Amino acid sequence: MNNLISFTEKLAQSRSHLIYTLRGKDKLTGLDAWWIIQIDSQKEPIFLKLSKKGHFNIEKYGKTLESGFGERPTPKILAQIKAKYS
């Protein structure tokens, strides 16, 4: 049984192409920030258009998997996301 992947894990892995890293400024602090998000597949076309224009509410288009301050996620965080969703 330990070799079986749960339905939730399979679903997450099948949606790995919907994971994006966004960079910008935190609205509250003005500091550099990043977000790793998984977009709802039906909302992806709208998300892609809005992401080129600037500010929008990420949570309307998917869920935040990780976020933090700085210019980009650490290699450790990227490796964790890749292991979980690839």
Protein backbone atom coordinates (compact mmCIF):
# COMPACT_ATOMS: atom_id res chain seq x y z
CA MET A 1 0.00 0.00 0.00
CA ASN A 2 2.88 2.42 0.61
CA ASN A 3 3.67 2.42 -3.12
CA LEU A 4 0.25 3.74 -4.04
CA ILE A 5 -0.12 7.42 -4.82
CA SER A 6 -3.26 8.98 -3.40
CA PHE A 7 -5.88 10.43 -5.70
CA THR A 8 -5.03 13.92 -4.42
CA GLU A 9 -1.33 13.45 -5.21
CA LYS A 10 -2.13 12.16 -8.71
CA LEU A 11 -4.40 15.12 -9.33
CA ALA A 12 -1.79 17.59 -8.13
CA GLN A 13 0.87 15.98 -10.33
CA SER A 14 -1.38 16.02 -13.38
CA ARG A 15 -1.79 19.78 -12.92
CA SER A 16 1.93 20.57 -12.62
CA HIS A 17 1.83 22.58 -15.86
CA LEU A 18 -0.52 25.00 -14.08
CA ILE A 19 2.09 26.05 -11.52
CA TYR A 20 3.61 29.51 -11.90
CA THR A 21 6.07 31.64 -9.98
CA LEU A 22 5.13 35.30 -9.77
CA ARG A 23 7.36 38.11 -8.57
CA GLY A 24 6.36 41.58 -7.49
CA LYS A 25 5.90 43.87 -4.54
CA ASP A 26 3.94 42.95 -1.46
CA LYS A 27 0.88 45.19 -1.30
CA LEU A 28 1.14 45.88 2.42
CA THR A 29 4.89 46.33 2.89
CA GLY A 30 6.14 47.34 -0.55
CA LEU A 31 8.90 44.72 -0.23
CA ASP A 32 9.98 42.41 -3.04
CA ALA A 33 7.94 39.22 -2.83
CA TRP A 34 7.25 36.01 -4.75
CA TRP A 35 4.37 33.57 -4.96
CA ILE A 36 4.19 30.03 -6.31
CA ILE A 37 0.63 29.42 -7.39
CA GLN A 38 -1.38 26.65 -8.98
CA ILE A 39 -3.92 28.09 -11.39
CA ASP A 40 -7.40 26.73 -12.00
CA SER A 41 -7.23 25.28 -15.54
CA GLN A 42 -10.43 27.04 -16.63
CA LYS A 43 -9.07 30.40 -15.50
CA GLU A 44 -5.60 30.01 -16.99
CA PRO A 45 -6.21 32.10 -20.16
CA ILE A 46 -7.48 35.05 -18.10
CA PHE A 47 -4.64 34.64 -15.61
CA LEU A 48 -2.04 34.72 -18.39
CA LYS A 49 -3.46 37.97 -19.78
CA LEU A 50 -3.66 39.63 -16.37
CA SER A 51 -0.18 38.50 -15.32
CA LYS A 52 1.29 40.54 -18.17
CA LYS A 53 -0.62 43.67 -17.14
CA GLY A 54 0.23 43.90 -13.46
CA HIS A 55 -1.84 43.89 -10.28
CA PHE A 56 -4.59 41.35 -9.67
CA ASN A 57 -5.91 39.09 -6.91
CA ILE A 58 -4.03 35.79 -7.21
CA GLU A 59 -6.60 33.91 -5.12
CA LYS A 60 -9.30 34.50 -7.75
CA TYR A 61 -7.38 32.34 -10.22
CA GLY A 62 -5.94 29.53 -8.11
CA LYS A 63 -4.27 28.77 -4.83
CA THR A 64 -0.98 29.89 -3.37
CA LEU A 65 1.33 26.93 -2.75
CA GLU A 66 4.21 28.96 -1.26
CA SER A 67 5.12 32.62 -0.88
CA GLY A 68 7.79 34.73 0.69
CA PHE A 69 9.83 37.90 0.64
CA GLY A 70 12.83 38.45 -1.59
CA GLU A 71 13.40 38.39 -5.32
CA ARG A 72 12.78 34.65 -5.78
CA PRO A 73 12.08 31.40 -3.95
CA THR A 74 15.03 29.54 -2.48
CA PRO A 75 16.35 26.46 -4.30
CA LYS A 76 15.05 24.36 -1.39
CA ILE A 77 11.48 25.62 -1.86
CA LEU A 78 11.67 25.10 -5.62
CA ALA A 79 12.91 21.54 -5.08
CA GLN A 80 10.05 20.83 -2.66
CA ILE A 81 7.45 22.12 -5.14
CA LYS A 82 9.03 20.14 -7.97
CA ALA A 83 9.07 16.95 -5.87
CA LYS A 84 5.46 17.37 -4.81
CA TYR A 85 3.92 18.48 -8.11
CA SER A 86 6.03 16.89 -10.87
